[in-house]
């Protein structure tokens, strides 16, 4: 089960992903990222409370890689647990997506600092 909360601060939207993203709940992550990238150029994905992500959840992130580049949207994922970060590394997503440890660093990246 996943819970997703969006907050907006200045011109940055933060998608807070809580719980587990699996095949049945990945649609909620997809909808949230779609809405965010339709309206904002700076997107943070807070994964501090993400406990598990399946291949379907990872596929959601992968499906936006080209869109982010084409639309010049900066998206940074932060706060991954070691276990979840390892899954991103195995698939090489850490090379395709911006991933950082904390919110401050993520904000600096989306702001181009």
N, C-alpha and C. Protein backbone atom coordinates (compact mmCIF):
# COMPACT_ATOMS: atom_id res chain seq x y z
N UNK A 1 0.85 -1.19 0.00
CA UNK A 1 0.00 0.00 0.00
C UNK A 1 0.89 1.24 0.00
N UNK A 2 0.52 2.19 -0.81
CA UNK A 2 1.31 3.41 -0.90
C UNK A 2 0.41 4.61 -0.60
N UNK A 3 1.01 5.61 -0.01
CA UNK A 3 0.34 6.89 0.19
C UNK A 3 1.24 7.94 -0.45
N UNK A 4 0.64 8.86 -1.18
CA UNK A 4 1.42 9.89 -1.85
C UNK A 4 0.84 11.25 -1.48
N UNK A 5 1.71 12.11 -1.00
CA UNK A 5 1.32 13.46 -0.61
C UNK A 5 2.16 14.45 -1.41
N UNK A 6 1.50 15.42 -2.00
CA UNK A 6 2.21 16.44 -2.76
C UNK A 6 2.19 17.76 -2.00
N UNK A 7 3.32 18.42 -1.95
CA UNK A 7 3.39 19.75 -1.36
C UNK A 7 4.10 20.67 -2.35
N UNK A 8 3.72 21.93 -2.31
CA UNK A 8 4.30 22.91 -3.22
C UNK A 8 4.93 24.02 -2.40
N UNK A 9 6.18 24.32 -2.73
CA UNK A 9 6.92 25.39 -2.07
C UNK A 9 7.61 26.18 -3.16
N UNK A 10 7.25 27.46 -3.25
CA UNK A 10 7.75 28.31 -4.34
C UNK A 10 7.37 27.67 -5.67
N UNK A 11 8.34 27.36 -6.51
CA UNK A 11 8.06 26.76 -7.81
C UNK A 11 8.48 25.29 -7.87
N UNK A 12 8.56 24.67 -6.69
CA UNK A 12 8.99 23.27 -6.60
C UNK A 12 7.86 22.43 -6.02
N UNK A 13 7.54 21.33 -6.69
CA UNK A 13 6.57 20.39 -6.13
C UNK A 13 7.33 19.20 -5.57
N UNK A 14 6.94 18.76 -4.38
CA UNK A 14 7.54 17.58 -3.76
C UNK A 14 6.49 16.48 -3.69
N UNK A 15 6.85 15.34 -4.23
CA UNK A 15 6.01 14.14 -4.17
C UNK A 15 6.58 13.27 -3.05
N UNK A 16 5.81 13.11 -1.98
CA UNK A 16 6.26 12.31 -0.84
C UNK A 16 5.64 10.92 -0.97
N UNK A 17 6.50 9.92 -1.16
CA UNK A 17 6.05 8.54 -1.37
C UNK A 17 6.22 7.79 -0.05
N UNK A 18 5.10 7.25 0.45
CA UNK A 18 5.09 6.61 1.76
C UNK A 18 4.60 5.17 1.61
N UNK A 19 5.36 4.22 2.15
CA UNK A 19 4.93 2.82 2.13
C UNK A 19 5.59 2.02 1.04
N UNK A 20 4.77 1.24 0.34
CA UNK A 20 5.28 0.30 -0.66
C UNK A 20 4.66 0.58 -2.02
N UNK A 21 5.52 0.62 -3.05
CA UNK A 21 5.04 0.77 -4.43
C UNK A 21 5.20 -0.58 -5.11
N UNK A 22 4.06 -1.19 -5.41
CA UNK A 22 4.09 -2.48 -6.11
C UNK A 22 3.24 -2.37 -7.38
N UNK A 23 2.99 -3.50 -8.02
CA UNK A 23 2.27 -3.48 -9.29
C UNK A 23 0.90 -2.82 -9.17
N UNK A 24 0.20 -3.07 -8.08
CA UNK A 24 -1.16 -2.52 -7.95
C UNK A 24 -1.16 -1.05 -7.54
N UNK A 25 -0.12 -0.60 -6.86
CA UNK A 25 -0.11 0.79 -6.39
C UNK A 25 0.76 1.72 -7.23
N UNK A 26 1.49 1.16 -8.19
CA UNK A 26 2.39 1.99 -9.00
C UNK A 26 1.61 3.01 -9.83
N UNK A 27 0.35 2.74 -10.11
CA UNK A 27 -0.46 3.69 -10.88
C UNK A 27 -0.60 5.02 -10.16
N UNK A 28 -0.64 4.99 -8.83
CA UNK A 28 -0.76 6.23 -8.06
C UNK A 28 0.51 7.07 -8.16
N UNK A 29 1.65 6.40 -8.16
CA UNK A 29 2.92 7.10 -8.36
C UNK A 29 2.96 7.70 -9.76
N UNK A 30 2.54 6.92 -10.74
CA UNK A 30 2.52 7.39 -12.12
C UNK A 30 1.63 8.63 -12.27
N UNK A 31 0.43 8.58 -11.71
CA UNK A 31 -0.50 9.72 -11.80
C UNK A 31 0.10 10.96 -11.14
N UNK A 32 0.74 10.77 -10.01
CA UNK A 32 1.31 11.89 -9.28
C UNK A 32 2.46 12.54 -10.05
N UNK A 33 3.34 11.73 -10.63
CA UNK A 33 4.45 12.27 -11.41
C UNK A 33 3.92 12.95 -12.66
N UNK A 34 2.92 12.36 -13.30
CA UNK A 34 2.33 12.95 -14.51
C UNK A 34 1.75 14.33 -14.21
N UNK A 35 0.97 14.43 -13.14
CA UNK A 35 0.38 15.72 -12.75
C UNK A 35 1.48 16.74 -12.44
N UNK A 36 2.49 16.31 -11.73
CA UNK A 36 3.58 17.21 -11.34
C UNK A 36 4.34 17.72 -12.56
N UNK A 37 4.67 16.81 -13.47
CA UNK A 37 5.46 17.22 -14.63
C UNK A 37 4.64 17.97 -15.67
N UNK A 38 3.33 17.89 -15.60
CA UNK A 38 2.48 18.68 -16.48
C UNK A 38 2.46 20.15 -16.05
N UNK A 39 2.71 20.39 -14.76
CA UNK A 39 2.55 21.75 -14.22
C UNK A 39 3.84 22.40 -13.74
N UNK A 40 4.86 21.60 -13.42
CA UNK A 40 6.06 22.14 -12.80
C UNK A 40 7.32 21.72 -13.54
N UNK A 41 8.33 22.55 -13.47
CA UNK A 41 9.63 22.26 -14.08
C UNK A 41 10.63 21.74 -13.05
N UNK A 42 10.25 21.84 -11.76
CA UNK A 42 11.14 21.38 -10.69
C UNK A 42 10.34 20.43 -9.80
N UNK A 43 10.80 19.17 -9.77
CA UNK A 43 10.08 18.13 -9.06
C UNK A 43 11.05 17.38 -8.13
N UNK A 44 10.67 17.30 -6.87
CA UNK A 44 11.41 16.49 -5.91
C UNK A 44 10.57 15.27 -5.57
N UNK A 45 11.20 14.13 -5.43
CA UNK A 45 10.51 12.92 -5.01
C UNK A 45 11.13 12.47 -3.69
N UNK A 46 10.36 12.67 -2.61
CA UNK A 46 10.81 12.34 -1.27
C UNK A 46 10.53 10.86 -1.01
N UNK A 47 11.60 10.07 -0.90
CA UNK A 47 11.46 8.63 -0.69
C UNK A 47 11.95 8.22 0.70
N UNK A 48 11.99 9.16 1.62
CA UNK A 48 12.46 8.84 2.98
C UNK A 48 11.59 7.78 3.65
N UNK A 49 10.31 7.74 3.27
CA UNK A 49 9.38 6.77 3.87
C UNK A 49 8.96 5.67 2.91
N UNK A 50 9.72 5.53 1.81
CA UNK A 50 9.47 4.45 0.86
C UNK A 50 10.15 3.19 1.39
N UNK A 51 9.34 2.17 1.65
CA UNK A 51 9.87 0.94 2.24
C UNK A 51 10.22 -0.12 1.20
N UNK A 52 9.53 -0.07 0.06
CA UNK A 52 9.72 -1.10 -0.96
C UNK A 52 9.26 -0.56 -2.30
N UNK A 53 9.96 -0.94 -3.37
CA UNK A 53 9.51 -0.59 -4.72
C UNK A 53 9.72 -1.80 -5.62
N UNK A 54 8.68 -2.17 -6.34
CA UNK A 54 8.75 -3.32 -7.25
C UNK A 54 9.25 -2.86 -8.62
N UNK A 55 9.40 -3.81 -9.51
CA UNK A 55 9.82 -3.47 -10.87
C UNK A 55 8.79 -2.57 -11.55
N UNK A 56 7.52 -2.72 -11.20
CA UNK A 56 6.48 -1.85 -11.77
C UNK A 56 6.69 -0.40 -11.32
N UNK A 57 7.05 -0.22 -10.07
CA UNK A 57 7.33 1.12 -9.56
C UNK A 57 8.56 1.72 -10.21
N UNK A 58 9.59 0.92 -10.39
CA UNK A 58 10.79 1.39 -11.07
C UNK A 58 10.48 1.73 -12.52
N UNK A 59 9.59 0.96 -13.12
CA UNK A 59 9.18 1.22 -14.49
C UNK A 59 8.51 2.58 -14.64
N UNK A 60 7.80 3.00 -13.60
CA UNK A 60 7.18 4.33 -13.64
C UNK A 60 8.25 5.40 -13.79
N UNK A 61 9.29 5.31 -12.97
CA UNK A 61 10.38 6.29 -13.07
C UNK A 61 11.04 6.23 -14.45
N UNK A 62 11.27 5.00 -14.93
CA UNK A 62 11.92 4.83 -16.23
C UNK A 62 11.10 5.44 -17.35
N UNK A 63 9.79 5.37 -17.23
CA UNK A 63 8.92 5.86 -18.30
C UNK A 63 8.96 7.38 -18.44
N UNK A 64 9.49 8.08 -17.45
CA UNK A 64 9.55 9.54 -17.51
C UNK A 64 10.91 10.09 -17.92
N UNK A 65 11.90 9.25 -18.08
CA UNK A 65 13.25 9.72 -18.37
C UNK A 65 13.28 10.60 -19.62
N UNK A 66 12.69 10.16 -20.71
CA UNK A 66 12.69 10.96 -21.94
C UNK A 66 11.87 12.23 -21.80
N UNK A 67 10.70 12.13 -21.15
CA UNK A 67 9.84 13.31 -20.95
C UNK A 67 10.58 14.40 -20.18
N UNK A 68 11.29 14.01 -19.15
CA UNK A 68 12.00 14.99 -18.33
C UNK A 68 13.01 15.75 -19.18
N UNK A 69 13.72 15.02 -20.00
CA UNK A 69 14.73 15.65 -20.86
C UNK A 69 14.08 16.53 -21.92
N UNK A 70 13.06 16.01 -22.58
CA UNK A 70 12.39 16.77 -23.65
C UNK A 70 11.73 18.04 -23.15
N UNK A 71 11.15 17.98 -21.95
CA UNK A 71 10.43 19.13 -21.40
C UNK A 71 11.30 20.00 -20.50
N UNK A 72 12.59 19.65 -20.39
CA UNK A 72 13.54 20.37 -19.54
C UNK A 72 13.03 20.48 -18.10
N UNK A 73 12.59 19.34 -17.57
CA UNK A 73 12.12 19.26 -16.19
C UNK A 73 13.22 18.66 -15.34
N UNK A 74 13.49 19.30 -14.22
CA UNK A 74 14.49 18.76 -13.30
C UNK A 74 13.76 17.98 -12.21
N UNK A 75 14.04 16.69 -12.14
CA UNK A 75 13.45 15.85 -11.10
C UNK A 75 14.58 15.19 -10.32
N UNK A 76 14.49 15.27 -9.01
CA UNK A 76 15.49 14.66 -8.15
C UNK A 76 14.78 13.78 -7.13
N UNK A 77 15.25 12.56 -7.01
CA UNK A 77 14.75 11.61 -6.02
C UNK A 77 15.70 11.68 -4.83
N UNK A 78 15.16 11.73 -3.63
CA UNK A 78 16.05 11.77 -2.46
C UNK A 78 15.50 10.93 -1.31
N UNK A 79 16.42 10.58 -0.40
CA UNK A 79 16.04 9.89 0.82
C UNK A 79 15.82 8.40 0.67
N UNK A 80 16.38 7.77 -0.36
CA UNK A 80 16.21 6.33 -0.53
C UNK A 80 16.93 5.56 0.58
N UNK A 81 16.28 4.54 1.10
CA UNK A 81 16.97 3.65 2.04
C UNK A 81 18.05 2.90 1.28
N UNK A 82 19.00 2.33 2.00
CA UNK A 82 20.08 1.58 1.34
C UNK A 82 19.52 0.45 0.48
N UNK A 83 18.51 -0.24 1.01
CA UNK A 83 17.92 -1.38 0.30
C UNK A 83 17.27 -0.93 -1.02
N UNK A 84 16.49 0.14 -0.97
CA UNK A 84 15.81 0.63 -2.17
C UNK A 84 16.81 1.24 -3.15
N UNK A 85 17.78 1.97 -2.62
CA UNK A 85 18.81 2.58 -3.48
C UNK A 85 19.57 1.50 -4.23
N UNK A 86 19.83 0.40 -3.58
CA UNK A 86 20.55 -0.72 -4.20
C UNK A 86 19.78 -1.23 -5.43
N UNK A 87 18.44 -1.29 -5.33
CA UNK A 87 17.62 -1.75 -6.45
C UNK A 87 17.77 -0.77 -7.63
N UNK A 88 17.77 0.53 -7.34
CA UNK A 88 17.98 1.52 -8.40
C UNK A 88 19.35 1.33 -9.05
N UNK A 89 20.36 1.03 -8.24
CA UNK A 89 21.71 0.84 -8.76
C UNK A 89 21.81 -0.41 -9.63
N UNK A 90 21.19 -1.48 -9.21
CA UNK A 90 21.25 -2.74 -9.97
C UNK A 90 20.74 -2.53 -11.39
N UNK A 91 19.68 -1.74 -11.52
CA UNK A 91 19.10 -1.50 -12.84
C UNK A 91 19.75 -0.33 -13.57
N UNK A 92 20.70 0.33 -12.92
CA UNK A 92 21.38 1.45 -13.55
C UNK A 92 20.58 2.74 -13.56
N UNK A 93 19.49 2.76 -12.81
CA UNK A 93 18.66 3.98 -12.77
C UNK A 93 19.36 5.13 -12.07
N UNK A 94 20.32 4.81 -11.23
CA UNK A 94 21.07 5.88 -10.57
C UNK A 94 21.94 6.64 -11.57
N UNK A 95 22.15 6.06 -12.75
CA UNK A 95 22.90 6.73 -13.81
C UNK A 95 21.98 7.55 -14.72
N UNK A 96 20.68 7.22 -14.72
CA UNK A 96 19.73 7.87 -15.61
C UNK A 96 18.88 8.94 -14.91
N UNK A 97 18.74 8.80 -13.61
CA UNK A 97 17.94 9.74 -12.82
C UNK A 97 18.83 10.41 -11.79
N UNK A 98 18.47 11.60 -11.40
CA UNK A 98 19.22 12.29 -10.33
C UNK A 98 18.72 11.77 -9.00
N UNK A 99 19.63 11.23 -8.21
CA UNK A 99 19.31 10.69 -6.89
C UNK A 99 20.30 11.27 -5.90
N UNK A 100 19.77 11.75 -4.79
CA UNK A 100 20.64 12.31 -3.76
C UNK A 100 20.16 11.87 -2.38
N UNK A 101 20.96 12.17 -1.38
CA UNK A 101 20.66 11.69 -0.03
C UNK A 101 19.59 12.49 0.69
N UNK A 102 19.57 13.81 0.48
CA UNK A 102 18.68 14.62 1.31
C UNK A 102 18.01 15.75 0.53
N UNK A 103 17.02 16.34 1.17
CA UNK A 103 16.20 17.38 0.55
C UNK A 103 17.02 18.62 0.19
N UNK A 104 17.91 19.05 1.06
CA UNK A 104 18.69 20.26 0.79
C UNK A 104 19.50 20.11 -0.49
N UNK A 105 20.15 18.98 -0.63
CA UNK A 105 20.95 18.74 -1.83
C UNK A 105 20.04 18.64 -3.06
N UNK A 106 18.89 17.99 -2.91
CA UNK A 106 17.95 17.87 -4.02
C UNK A 106 17.46 19.25 -4.47
N UNK A 107 17.17 20.13 -3.52
CA UNK A 107 16.72 21.48 -3.86
C UNK A 107 17.80 22.25 -4.60
N UNK A 108 19.05 22.09 -4.17
CA UNK A 108 20.16 22.77 -4.85
C UNK A 108 20.24 22.30 -6.31
N UNK A 109 20.06 21.03 -6.53
CA UNK A 109 20.16 20.47 -7.88
C UNK A 109 19.03 21.01 -8.77
N UNK A 110 17.78 20.99 -8.29
CA UNK A 110 16.69 21.47 -9.14
C UNK A 110 16.76 22.97 -9.37
N UNK A 111 17.40 23.67 -8.44
CA UNK A 111 17.57 25.12 -8.60
C UNK A 111 18.84 25.48 -9.38
N UNK A 112 19.59 24.46 -9.78
CA UNK A 112 20.79 24.69 -10.59
C UNK A 112 21.92 25.34 -9.84
N UNK A 113 21.96 25.11 -8.53
CA UNK A 113 23.02 25.72 -7.71
C UNK A 113 24.14 24.72 -7.49
